[in-house]
Amino acid sequence: MPSLQLEMHCVSVRVLWRSCQGICSASATPSGPLLRCSVSGPAYGHPFLRSLAASTKDHPDTPDSRARDLNQKDVDEQEQEFVESFSRRQQNSRPWHRAGGVANKLPNSLLSLDPTNGDSTRGRLLTTPTRLLKLILPLPFRIPRNSKSSEREDAKREESKDAKKDGDNEDGIEPLALLVHPQQPLSYLERLIQAELPPIFDGRRERLPNLVFRAEGDLQGTKGDKDDESGDEHGGAIRQDDNEGNVAAYSGLGREEPARSESEAKWVRWSSSTEIGDFICDAARGREFAISIEGYEPELRVAVPSFNDRTHYMRERLRRMSRHIRGQAQIKEECDQLASKGAHRLAQGGFGALVGWWGAVYYVTFHTEAGWDLVEPVTYLVGLTTMIGGYMWFLYISRDLSYKEALNVTESRRQQALYAARGFDLGAWKELVQEANALRREIRTVAVEYDVDWEDTKDLGGEAVKEVLEREDSKDEKKRKADEEEGEEEGRRGEEKNRGRDRKAEGKQSGRVA
């Protein structure tokens, strides 16, 4: 127990000694308060404890104490600023930022896929599998303020300059990722960017900086410029005659467009109410579009995705689906051929049975002693039984009385049996084909927006898959039209019934009035 008390006293004396050292070092003048050292604790004190123990009197509110408090406050503020600056440098020096910010550190395989070629000062507009657009902007950490900025901001700016001199990778750039939908307006994107920027002071109040979206336009220059543009061998713009100055030129090359000088580029400002998808399609005539931020001198350049970039994931998905369709189409074609042959063989067997029956009736009637007296009632009963049985069968299958319907029913049953034996799922096949056709239509829509010719045969892997998709699409279209016609016919019948009921009701009312 005494040893425990001794340890507790040692700890208290050490804390008191450190506090005394801090007070002594913080005094501004040599005429500070005097310190009196005394032994605290029990009587069995130790010489080491007597030398470390110290106590102070209560200091009055003197200029020295106020200076000491102010000095401590400044120390705390400087420590907080240092922690914040160090955190920013650590965040900016992450591995993913170093790999994307220096072009010469990227391998060639990644440089070919990067629309900015590893330039961290340019933005990127990437496509995603969810059909959303991922916009990566190298936004600045802070926007330079005017002359009325506070001294704290100036100190932070000087500190960042010192950090640059020390070799840190703090160039005022922090990548920001935004997910936008092509049908959203530019004003929505503007609000997202403004939410990530510090406010600016315009002389009266602080407000969010304004943003301007600009892209290369198709403003017509002189006649010589038109001739040069119409003779572009790269196909960057549609050729125009001299009399077609009011026709806009489009191109789907985007970042794949040949580089042009700043003097040749004709930039136009776009309204914030324009949809993002329409803005990108129109900006695809150039390599990039610009976002100007108020108060930030260098404008942000964003590489425009080309048609290949915009439809990359859709075409990859279509290729995977086409490979699956090719394998399933072979199984389905084999089953359909076997089922069709089986149905035709059954029809041929029925024809042979009828011919045999006719020969038996002929032989019994003319070449035996039974004669017509026996054959007549037998043939009558057999024919009547066959007719009744066929009528009941058509009632059971709920189809029209025709040879084609009977053949289709027989063939479809044979197909179902073969599909089950081969492990072919007809429902999954229909969904797969419908999804592939819908994906083709979506890619064609993007191709029309970019004004490019898309050959789906290459992505489908051959003409065989294309023929299968077109055949199934035509079947679905016919079925859809038949359903619509049937619905319209039922609607007309219902309207006629309602009209008849109304007429009867009017007749009854007129009779009652009379």
Protein backbone atom coordinates (compact mmCIF):
# COMPACT_ATOMS: atom_id res chain seq x y z
CA MET A 1 0.00 0.00 0.00
CA PRO A 2 2.74 2.57 0.81
CA SER A 3 4.43 1.74 -2.52
CA LEU A 4 1.18 2.50 -4.38
CA GLN A 5 0.85 5.88 -2.64
CA LEU A 6 4.48 6.63 -3.47
CA GLU A 7 3.88 5.94 -7.18
CA MET A 8 0.79 8.19 -7.19
CA HIS A 9 2.74 11.02 -5.62
CA CYS A 10 5.51 10.59 -8.17
CA VAL A 11 3.07 10.97 -11.04
CA SER A 12 1.48 14.09 -9.53
CA VAL A 13 4.92 15.65 -8.94
CA ARG A 14 5.97 14.98 -12.57
CA VAL A 15 2.81 16.64 -13.94
CA LEU A 16 3.31 19.64 -11.67
CA TRP A 17 6.95 19.97 -12.71
CA ARG A 18 6.08 19.97 -16.45
CA SER A 19 3.41 22.64 -15.93
CA CYS A 20 5.91 24.78 -14.08
CA GLN A 21 8.42 24.46 -16.91
CA GLY A 22 5.74 25.59 -19.43
CA ILE A 23 4.84 28.63 -17.35
CA CYS A 24 8.46 29.63 -16.96
CA SER A 25 9.19 29.35 -20.70
CA ALA A 26 6.05 31.33 -21.66
CA SER A 27 6.82 34.45 -19.57
CA ALA A 28 7.64 37.47 -21.70
CA THR A 29 9.98 39.31 -19.29
CA PRO A 30 12.65 38.13 -16.91
CA SER A 31 10.75 39.69 -14.01
CA GLY A 32 8.22 36.90 -13.97
CA PRO A 33 6.65 35.36 -10.92
CA LEU A 34 8.96 33.61 -8.55
CA LEU A 35 8.71 29.86 -8.09
CA ARG A 36 8.88 28.28 -4.70
CA CYS A 37 9.82 24.65 -4.56
CA SER A 38 8.45 22.65 -1.71
CA VAL A 39 8.13 19.00 -0.87
CA SER A 40 4.62 17.63 -1.23
CA GLY A 41 3.49 14.30 -0.05
CA PRO A 42 4.14 12.20 3.00
CA ALA A 43 7.06 12.56 5.37
CA TYR A 44 9.00 9.69 3.86
CA GLY A 45 9.85 11.77 0.77
CA HIS A 46 12.74 11.03 -1.52
CA PRO A 47 15.53 13.49 -2.41
CA PHE A 48 14.68 13.11 -6.14
CA LEU A 49 11.07 13.98 -5.38
CA ARG A 50 12.09 16.97 -3.28
CA SER A 51 14.15 18.28 -6.16
CA LEU A 52 11.30 17.90 -8.72
CA ALA A 53 8.30 19.03 -6.68
CA ALA A 54 7.33 22.67 -7.19
CA SER A 55 4.35 24.85 -6.55
CA THR A 56 3.37 28.35 -7.65
CA LYS A 57 1.27 31.08 -6.22
CA ASP A 58 -1.84 32.35 -7.96
CA HIS A 59 -0.75 34.93 -10.54
CA PRO A 60 -2.80 38.08 -10.81
CA ASP A 61 -4.10 39.47 -14.12
CA THR A 62 -0.87 41.18 -15.16
CA PRO A 63 0.43 42.17 -18.63
CA ASP A 64 2.79 39.20 -18.44
CA SER A 65 -0.08 36.73 -17.99
CA ARG A 66 -2.05 38.30 -20.86
CA ALA A 67 0.99 38.11 -23.14
CA ARG A 68 1.49 34.50 -22.10
CA ASP A 69 -2.16 33.62 -22.96
CA LEU A 70 -1.92 35.39 -26.33
CA ASN A 71 1.30 33.55 -27.13
CA GLN A 72 -0.32 30.22 -26.28
CA LYS A 73 -3.31 31.05 -28.51
CA ASP A 74 -1.03 31.82 -31.46
CA VAL A 75 0.84 28.56 -30.89
CA ASP A 76 -2.43 26.61 -30.96
CA GLU A 77 -3.55 28.33 -34.17
CA GLN A 78 -0.23 27.66 -35.89
CA GLU A 79 -0.40 24.01 -34.84
CA GLN A 80 -3.93 23.69 -36.24
CA GLU A 81 -2.90 25.26 -39.56
CA PHE A 82 0.09 22.94 -39.78
CA VAL A 83 -2.14 19.89 -39.21
CA GLU A 84 -4.58 21.01 -41.91
CA SER A 85 -1.77 21.70 -44.40
CA PHE A 86 -0.13 18.36 -43.67
CA SER A 87 -3.46 16.56 -44.16
CA ARG A 88 -3.96 18.22 -47.54
CA ARG A 89 -0.46 17.26 -48.64
CA GLN A 90 -1.05 13.67 -47.57
CA GLN A 91 -4.32 13.56 -49.47
CA ASN A 92 -2.74 15.06 -52.58
CA SER A 93 0.18 12.63 -52.53
CA ARG A 94 -1.92 9.46 -52.62
CA PRO A 95 -0.74 6.73 -55.03
CA TRP A 96 -3.76 6.97 -57.33
CA HIS A 97 -3.21 10.70 -57.78
CA ARG A 98 0.51 10.33 -58.45
CA ALA A 99 -0.19 7.66 -61.09
CA GLY A 100 -2.79 9.79 -62.85
CA GLY A 101 -1.03 13.11 -62.56
CA VAL A 102 2.32 12.37 -64.20
CA ALA A 103 2.14 11.21 -67.79
CA ASN A 104 5.59 9.70 -68.04
CA LYS A 105 4.88 7.36 -65.09
CA LEU A 106 1.94 5.69 -66.84
CA PRO A 107 2.57 2.58 -68.94
CA ASN A 108 1.78 2.65 -72.62
CA SER A 109 -1.19 0.32 -72.16
CA LEU A 110 -2.84 2.83 -69.84
CA LEU A 111 -1.92 5.86 -71.91
CA SER A 112 -3.79 4.44 -74.89
CA LEU A 113 -6.98 4.16 -72.81
CA ASP A 114 -6.68 7.56 -71.13
CA PRO A 115 -8.50 10.29 -73.11
CA THR A 116 -6.21 12.94 -71.60
CA ASN A 117 -2.98 10.95 -72.13
CA GLY A 118 -2.09 11.26 -68.47
CA ASP A 119 -2.45 15.06 -68.28
CA SER A 120 -3.75 15.86 -64.77
CA THR A 121 -4.67 19.43 -65.74
CA ARG A 122 -7.38 18.24 -68.14
CA GLY A 123 -10.70 16.74 -67.20
CA ARG A 124 -12.10 13.41 -68.31
CA LEU A 125 -15.61 12.43 -69.36
CA LEU A 126 -15.91 8.67 -69.06
CA THR A 127 -18.75 6.28 -69.80
CA THR A 128 -20.00 3.75 -67.26
CA PRO A 129 -21.83 0.42 -67.58
CA THR A 130 -24.92 2.07 -66.05
CA ARG A 131 -25.22 4.52 -68.99
CA LEU A 132 -24.28 7.39 -66.70
CA LEU A 133 -21.40 9.73 -67.48
CA LYS A 134 -18.52 10.05 -65.02
CA LEU A 135 -16.99 13.51 -65.14
CA ILE A 136 -13.56 13.90 -63.50
CA LEU A 137 -12.48 17.52 -63.08
CA PRO A 138 -9.12 18.77 -61.73
CA LEU A 139 -10.75 21.41 -59.53
CA PRO A 140 -8.47 23.83 -57.60
CA PHE A 141 -8.18 23.57 -53.83
CA ARG A 142 -9.01 27.24 -53.52
CA ILE A 143 -9.88 30.10 -55.84
CA PRO A 144 -7.53 33.09 -55.59
CA ARG A 145 -9.21 35.91 -53.63
CA ASN A 146 -8.93 39.66 -54.36
CA SER A 147 -7.05 42.29 -52.37
CA LYS A 148 -9.62 42.17 -49.57
CA SER A 149 -8.75 38.64 -48.64
CA SER A 150 -7.92 37.98 -45.05
CA GLU A 151 -4.39 37.64 -43.79
CA ARG A 152 -5.07 34.02 -42.90
CA GLU A 153 -5.74 33.12 -46.55
CA ASP A 154 -2.54 34.89 -47.59
CA ALA A 155 -0.60 32.96 -44.96
CA LYS A 156 -2.06 29.68 -46.20
CA ARG A 157 -1.12 30.58 -49.77
CA GLU A 158 2.45 31.36 -48.71
CA GLU A 159 2.55 28.08 -46.82
CA SER A 160 1.44 26.18 -49.92
CA LYS A 161 4.21 27.88 -51.92
CA ASP A 162 6.76 26.81 -49.33
CA ALA A 163 5.44 23.25 -49.55
CA LYS A 164 5.92 23.32 -53.33
CA LYS A 165 9.52 24.38 -52.86
CA ASP A 166 10.06 21.46 -50.52
CA GLY A 167 9.17 19.10 -53.39
CA ASP A 168 5.64 18.08 -52.36
CA ASN A 169 3.10 17.32 -55.08
CA GLU A 170 0.69 20.07 -54.08
CA ASP A 171 -0.10 21.92 -57.30
CA GLY A 172 -3.56 23.16 -56.25
CA ILE A 173 -5.36 20.35 -58.12
CA GLU A 174 -7.74 17.86 -56.59
CA PRO A 175 -9.64 15.49 -58.91
CA LEU A 176 -13.41 15.59 -58.40
CA ALA A 177 -15.66 12.81 -59.76
CA LEU A 178 -19.31 13.52 -60.66
CA LEU A 179 -21.96 11.15 -62.02
CA VAL A 180 -24.46 12.81 -64.36
CA HIS A 181 -27.19 11.57 -66.67
CA PRO A 182 -27.14 12.61 -70.35
CA GLN A 183 -30.70 13.96 -70.06
CA GLN A 184 -29.88 16.31 -67.17
CA PRO A 185 -29.28 20.00 -68.02
CA LEU A 186 -25.97 21.79 -67.73
CA SER A 187 -27.39 23.86 -64.87
CA TYR A 188 -27.51 20.70 -62.75
CA LEU A 189 -23.82 20.06 -63.47
CA GLU A 190 -23.08 23.70 -62.71
CA ARG A 191 -24.67 23.41 -59.26
CA LEU A 192 -22.70 20.24 -58.52
CA ILE A 193 -19.41 21.97 -59.36
CA GLN A 194 -20.31 25.12 -57.42
CA ALA A 195 -20.97 23.05 -54.33
CA GLU A 196 -17.31 21.93 -54.38
CA LEU A 197 -15.80 25.40 -54.84
CA PRO A 198 -15.10 28.04 -52.16
CA PRO A 199 -17.07 31.30 -52.42
CA ILE A 200 -15.58 34.48 -53.89
CA PHE A 201 -15.84 38.08 -52.65
CA ASP A 202 -17.20 40.50 -55.25
CA GLY A 203 -16.63 43.66 -53.17
CA ARG A 204 -19.93 43.54 -51.30
CA ARG A 205 -20.55 39.97 -50.27
CA GLU A 206 -19.36 36.41 -50.73
CA ARG A 207 -21.08 34.33 -53.39
CA LEU A 208 -20.53 31.19 -55.44
CA PRO A 209 -18.47 31.59 -58.62
CA ASN A 210 -20.25 31.55 -61.97
CA LEU A 211 -19.50 28.83 -64.53
CA VAL A 212 -19.52 29.03 -68.33
CA PHE A 213 -19.57 26.01 -70.65
CA ARG A 214 -17.97 26.53 -74.04
CA ALA A 215 -17.39 24.22 -76.99
CA GLU A 216 -16.06 24.50 -80.50
CA GLY A 217 -18.77 25.83 -82.78
CA ASP A 218 -19.36 25.55 -86.52
CA LEU A 219 -19.30 29.29 -87.18
CA GLN A 220 -18.66 29.78 -90.88
CA GLY A 221 -15.68 31.89 -91.78
CA THR A 222 -14.55 33.07 -95.16
CA LYS A 223 -14.98 31.17 -98.38
CA GLY A 224 -11.44 29.93 -98.14
CA ASP A 225 -12.12 28.58 -94.68
CA LYS A 226 -15.16 26.75 -96.00
CA ASP A 227 -13.14 25.19 -98.77
CA ASP A 228 -10.51 24.08 -96.28
CA GLU A 229 -13.12 22.58 -93.96
CA SER A 230 -14.94 20.83 -96.81
CA GLY A 231 -11.69 19.31 -98.00
CA ASP A 232 -10.81 17.78 -94.64
CA GLU A 233 -9.66 14.29 -95.46
CA HIS A 234 -10.18 13.09 -91.88
CA GLY A 235 -13.93 13.46 -92.06
CA GLY A 236 -14.16 15.74 -89.05
CA ALA A 237 -17.10 17.67 -90.50
CA ILE A 238 -19.73 17.16 -93.15
CA ARG A 239 -18.88 18.76 -96.47
CA GLN A 240 -20.91 21.82 -97.27
CA ASP A 241 -21.49 23.82 -100.38
CA ASP A 242 -21.16 27.59 -100.52
CA ASN A 243 -24.94 27.95 -100.41
CA GLU A 244 -25.34 25.74 -97.33
CA GLY A 245 -24.03 28.15 -94.71
CA ASN A 246 -26.97 27.43 -92.37
CA VAL A 247 -26.27 23.70 -92.06
CA ALA A 248 -24.48 22.59 -88.88
CA ALA A 249 -21.54 20.23 -89.22
CA TYR A 250 -21.26 17.23 -86.94
CA SER A 251 -18.55 14.70 -86.21
CA GLY A 252 -18.34 11.68 -83.94
CA LEU A 253 -14.56 11.64 -83.57
CA GLY A 254 -14.42 13.65 -80.35
CA ARG A 255 -11.01 13.29 -78.70
CA GLU A 256 -9.92 11.28 -81.77
CA GLU A 257 -10.31 14.42 -83.89
CA PRO A 258 -7.02 15.71 -85.37
CA ALA A 259 -5.50 18.49 -83.29
CA ARG A 260 -6.18 22.04 -84.45
CA SER A 261 -4.62 25.33 -83.45
CA GLU A 262 -6.39 27.79 -81.15
CA SER A 263 -6.83 30.24 -84.02
CA GLU A 264 -8.79 27.69 -86.06
CA ALA A 265 -11.09 26.74 -83.17
CA LYS A 266 -14.27 28.85 -82.98
CA TRP A 267 -15.61 28.65 -79.42
CA VAL A 268 -19.21 29.37 -78.53
CA ARG A 269 -20.96 29.62 -75.18
CA TRP A 270 -23.75 27.17 -74.40
CA SER A 271 -26.88 27.82 -72.40
CA SER A 272 -27.16 26.13 -69.01
CA SER A 273 -30.59 24.76 -69.95
CA THR A 274 -29.08 22.47 -72.63
CA GLU A 275 -29.09 18.76 -71.89
CA ILE A 276 -25.70 17.25 -71.15
CA GLY A 277 -26.11 14.57 -73.84
CA ASP A 278 -26.94 17.12 -76.55
CA PHE A 279 -24.04 19.31 -75.46
CA ILE A 280 -21.58 16.41 -75.67
CA CYS A 281 -22.84 15.31 -79.09
CA ASP A 282 -22.44 18.80 -80.48
CA ALA A 283 -19.05 19.27 -78.81
CA ALA A 284 -17.82 16.04 -80.44
CA ARG A 285 -16.78 18.05 -83.50
CA GLY A 286 -13.76 19.14 -81.42
CA ARG A 287 -11.32 17.34 -79.16
CA GLU A 288 -12.46 19.01 -75.94
CA PHE A 289 -14.82 21.49 -74.34
CA ALA A 290 -14.01 24.15 -71.75
CA ILE A 291 -15.46 25.05 -68.34
CA SER A 292 -14.60 28.59 -67.22
CA ILE A 293 -14.78 29.28 -63.47
CA GLU A 294 -15.08 32.85 -62.26
CA GLY A 295 -12.00 33.83 -60.29
CA TYR A 296 -9.87 30.95 -61.58
CA GLU A 297 -7.72 32.04 -64.49
CA PRO A 298 -6.88 28.79 -66.37
CA GLU A 299 -10.11 27.30 -67.72
CA LEU A 300 -10.73 23.58 -67.34
CA ARG A 301 -10.45 21.58 -70.55
CA VAL A 302 -12.36 18.28 -70.69
CA ALA A 303 -11.71 15.66 -73.38
CA VAL A 304 -14.90 14.93 -75.36
CA PRO A 305 -15.75 11.22 -75.65
CA SER A 306 -16.05 9.92 -79.18
CA PHE A 307 -18.73 7.55 -80.45
CA ASN A 308 -16.50 4.59 -79.66
CA ASP A 309 -16.01 5.87 -76.10
CA ARG A 310 -19.69 6.61 -75.59
CA THR A 311 -20.81 3.16 -76.72
CA HIS A 312 -17.85 1.16 -75.37
CA TYR A 313 -19.70 -0.71 -72.64
CA MET A 314 -22.80 -1.17 -74.78
CA ARG A 315 -20.80 -2.70 -77.62
CA GLU A 316 -18.85 -4.91 -75.19
CA ARG A 317 -22.11 -6.14 -73.73
CA LEU A 318 -23.50 -6.73 -77.22
CA ARG A 319 -20.44 -8.82 -78.12
CA ARG A 320 -20.89 -11.02 -75.03
CA MET A 321 -24.57 -11.44 -75.80
CA SER A 322 -23.86 -12.25 -79.45
CA ARG A 323 -21.49 -15.05 -78.46
CA HIS A 324 -24.17 -16.52 -76.22
CA ILE A 325 -26.80 -16.10 -78.92
CA ARG A 326 -24.59 -17.86 -81.47
CA GLY A 327 -24.30 -20.97 -79.31
CA GLN A 328 -27.99 -21.02 -78.36
CA ALA A 329 -29.05 -20.38 -81.97
CA GLN A 330 -27.29 -23.51 -83.14
CA ILE A 331 -29.12 -25.64 -80.56
CA LYS A 332 -32.46 -24.03 -81.41
CA GLU A 333 -31.94 -24.48 -85.14
CA GLU A 334 -31.17 -28.18 -84.71
CA CYS A 335 -34.23 -28.72 -82.52
CA ASP A 336 -36.45 -26.80 -84.95
CA GLN A 337 -35.23 -28.84 -87.90
CA LEU A 338 -35.82 -32.12 -86.08
CA ALA A 339 -39.30 -30.99 -84.97
CA SER A 340 -40.21 -29.86 -88.49
CA LYS A 341 -39.06 -33.14 -89.98
CA GLY A 342 -41.01 -35.08 -87.35
CA ALA A 343 -44.21 -33.09 -88.06
CA HIS A 344 -43.88 -33.64 -91.81
CA ARG A 345 -43.26 -37.33 -91.28
CA LEU A 346 -46.40 -37.54 -89.17
CA ALA A 347 -48.39 -35.80 -91.90
CA GLN A 348 -46.97 -38.18 -94.50
CA GLY A 349 -47.86 -41.12 -92.26
CA GLY A 350 -51.45 -39.84 -92.03
CA PHE A 351 -51.62 -39.60 -95.82
CA GLY A 352 -50.35 -43.18 -96.11
CA ALA A 353 -52.99 -44.37 -93.63
CA LEU A 354 -55.75 -42.74 -95.70
CA VAL A 355 -54.44 -44.34 -98.89
CA GLY A 356 -54.31 -47.73 -97.16
CA TRP A 357 -57.84 -47.30 -95.89
CA TRP A 358 -59.04 -46.47 -99.40
CA GLY A 359 -57.33 -49.59 -100.79
CA ALA A 360 -58.84 -51.80 -98.10
CA VAL A 361 -62.34 -50.50 -98.82
CA TYR A 362 -61.81 -51.04 -102.53
CA TYR A 363 -60.54 -54.58 -102.09
CA VAL A 364 -63.30 -55.64 -99.70
CA THR A 365 -66.00 -54.09 -101.87
CA PHE A 366 -65.02 -55.50 -105.26
CA HIS A 367 -62.85 -58.50 -104.60
CA THR A 368 -64.59 -60.27 -101.70
CA GLU A 369 -68.00 -61.84 -101.11
CA ALA A 370 -68.87 -59.28 -98.37
CA GLY A 371 -69.50 -56.59 -100.99
CA TRP A 372 -70.97 -53.19 -100.48
CA ASP A 373 -73.57 -54.34 -98.01
CA LEU A 374 -70.86 -54.77 -95.32
CA VAL A 375 -68.53 -51.97 -96.38
CA GLU A 376 -71.14 -49.18 -96.51
CA PRO A 377 -72.09 -49.07 -92.78
CA VAL A 378 -68.47 -49.59 -91.76
CA THR A 379 -67.18 -46.69 -93.85
CA TYR A 380 -70.03 -44.47 -92.70
CA LEU A 381 -69.31 -45.10 -89.03
CA VAL A 382 -65.53 -44.73 -89.48
CA GLY A 383 -65.90 -41.43 -91.34
CA LEU A 384 -68.39 -40.02 -88.80
CA THR A 385 -66.15 -41.07 -85.90
CA THR A 386 -63.12 -39.42 -87.53
CA MET A 387 -65.00 -36.17 -88.08
CA ILE A 388 -66.30 -36.07 -84.49
CA GLY A 389 -62.87 -36.89 -83.09
CA GLY A 390 -61.18 -34.16 -85.16
CA TYR A 391 -63.78 -31.60 -84.12
CA MET A 392 -63.28 -32.43 -80.45
CA TRP A 393 -59.50 -32.24 -80.85
CA PHE A 394 -59.68 -28.75 -82.38
CA LEU A 395 -61.99 -27.67 -79.58
CA TYR A 396 -59.42 -28.94 -77.09
CA ILE A 397 -56.52 -27.04 -78.64
CA SER A 398 -58.66 -23.90 -79.21
CA ARG A 399 -57.35 -23.27 -82.70
CA ASP A 400 -58.86 -22.82 -86.15
CA LEU A 401 -59.83 -25.85 -88.16
CA SER A 402 -56.94 -25.97 -90.63
CA TYR A 403 -54.10 -28.21 -91.65
CA LYS A 404 -51.57 -25.48 -90.87
CA GLU A 405 -52.74 -25.14 -87.28
CA ALA A 406 -52.65 -28.90 -86.79
CA LEU A 407 -49.11 -29.00 -88.18
CA ASN A 408 -48.00 -26.09 -85.98
CA VAL A 409 -49.40 -27.72 -82.86
CA THR A 410 -47.66 -30.99 -83.64
CA GLU A 411 -44.39 -29.24 -84.42
CA SER A 412 -44.50 -27.04 -81.31
CA ARG A 413 -45.02 -30.04 -79.05
CA ARG A 414 -42.11 -31.79 -80.67
CA GLN A 415 -40.00 -28.68 -80.22
CA GLN A 416 -40.81 -28.45 -76.51
CA ALA A 417 -39.74 -32.05 -76.04
CA LEU A 418 -36.46 -31.49 -77.88
CA TYR A 419 -35.77 -28.23 -76.01
CA ALA A 420 -36.19 -30.00 -72.68
CA ALA A 421 -33.89 -32.82 -73.82
CA ARG A 422 -31.17 -30.40 -74.99
CA GLY A 423 -31.45 -28.05 -71.99
CA PHE A 424 -32.65 -25.09 -74.07
CA ASP A 425 -34.70 -22.46 -72.18
CA LEU A 426 -37.10 -20.79 -74.58
CA GLY A 427 -38.08 -18.00 -72.15
CA ALA A 428 -34.45 -17.03 -71.49
CA TRP A 429 -33.81 -17.12 -75.25
CA LYS A 430 -36.61 -14.64 -75.95
CA GLU A 431 -35.41 -12.30 -73.22
CA LEU A 432 -31.83 -12.48 -74.53
CA VAL A 433 -32.89 -11.70 -78.09
CA GLN A 434 -35.14 -8.84 -77.02
CA GLU A 435 -32.37 -7.33 -74.89
CA ALA A 436 -29.86 -7.60 -77.75
CA ASN A 437 -32.27 -5.92 -80.17
CA ALA A 438 -32.98 -3.16 -77.65
CA LEU A 439 -29.22 -2.65 -77.23
CA ARG A 440 -28.78 -2.43 -81.00
CA ARG A 441 -31.49 0.21 -81.22
CA GLU A 442 -29.85 2.21 -78.44
CA ILE A 443 -26.45 2.14 -80.16
CA ARG A 444 -28.10 3.20 -83.42
CA THR A 445 -29.68 6.15 -81.60
CA VAL A 446 -26.27 7.28 -80.34
CA ALA A 447 -24.84 6.81 -83.84
CA VAL A 448 -27.55 9.08 -85.25
CA GLU A 449 -26.75 11.70 -82.59
CA TYR A 450 -23.04 11.57 -83.48
CA ASP A 451 -23.84 11.34 -87.21
CA VAL A 452 -21.68 8.26 -87.80
CA ASP A 453 -22.30 4.98 -89.63
CA TRP A 454 -22.25 2.01 -87.30
CA GLU A 455 -21.76 -1.46 -88.74
CA ASP A 456 -23.34 -3.87 -86.27
CA THR A 457 -22.01 -6.92 -88.14
CA LYS A 458 -18.53 -6.49 -86.62
CA ASP A 459 -19.82 -6.25 -83.06
CA LEU A 460 -22.28 -9.12 -83.59
CA GLY A 461 -19.56 -11.40 -84.90
CA GLY A 462 -21.00 -12.21 -88.31
CA GLU A 463 -24.10 -12.23 -90.47
CA ALA A 464 -25.53 -15.35 -88.83
CA VAL A 465 -26.24 -13.66 -85.51
CA LYS A 466 -27.59 -10.59 -87.30
CA GLU A 467 -30.03 -12.72 -89.32
CA VAL A 468 -31.20 -14.49 -86.16
CA LEU A 469 -31.84 -11.19 -84.38
CA GLU A 470 -33.65 -9.70 -87.37
CA ARG A 471 -35.78 -12.81 -87.79
CA GLU A 472 -36.77 -12.85 -84.13
CA ASP A 473 -37.40 -9.12 -84.23
CA SER A 474 -39.73 -9.53 -87.22
CA LYS A 475 -41.60 -12.28 -85.38
CA ASP A 476 -42.03 -10.09 -82.34
CA GLU A 477 -43.18 -7.23 -84.54
CA LYS A 478 -45.79 -9.40 -86.24
CA LYS A 479 -46.99 -10.73 -82.90
CA ARG A 480 -47.18 -7.21 -81.54
CA LYS A 481 -49.21 -6.04 -84.53
CA ALA A 482 -51.52 -9.04 -84.23
CA ASP A 483 -52.09 -8.32 -80.56
CA GLU A 484 -52.79 -4.68 -81.32
CA GLU A 485 -55.26 -5.60 -84.05
CA GLU A 486 -56.96 -8.09 -81.76
CA GLY A 487 -57.19 -5.46 -79.04
CA GLU A 488 -58.62 -2.93 -81.47
CA GLU A 489 -61.16 -5.52 -82.68
CA GLU A 490 -62.23 -6.26 -79.13
CA GLY A 491 -62.50 -2.54 -78.47
CA ARG A 492 -64.73 -2.06 -81.52
CA ARG A 493 -66.93 -4.96 -80.42
CA GLY A 494 -67.25 -3.47 -76.97
CA GLU A 495 -68.19 -0.08 -78.43
CA GLU A 496 -70.83 -1.70 -80.64
CA LYS A 497 -72.28 -3.51 -77.62
CA ASN A 498 -72.40 -0.27 -75.65
CA ARG A 499 -74.10 1.52 -78.53
CA GLY A 500 -76.70 -1.23 -78.76
CA ARG A 501 -77.38 -0.96 -75.03
CA ASP A 502 -77.71 2.81 -75.31
CA ARG A 503 -80.15 2.47 -78.19
CA LYS A 504 -82.27 -0.01 -76.25
CA ALA A 505 -82.27 2.31 -73.22
CA GLU A 506 -83.30 5.27 -75.40
CA GLY A 507 -86.10 3.19 -76.97
CA LYS A 508 -87.43 2.20 -73.56
CA GLN A 509 -87.38 5.81 -72.36
CA SER A 510 -89.18 7.05 -75.50
CA GLY A 511 -91.83 4.32 -75.05
CA ARG A 512 -92.39 5.34 -71.45
CA VAL A 513 -92.78 8.99 -72.44
CA ALA A 514 -95.29 8.09 -75.18
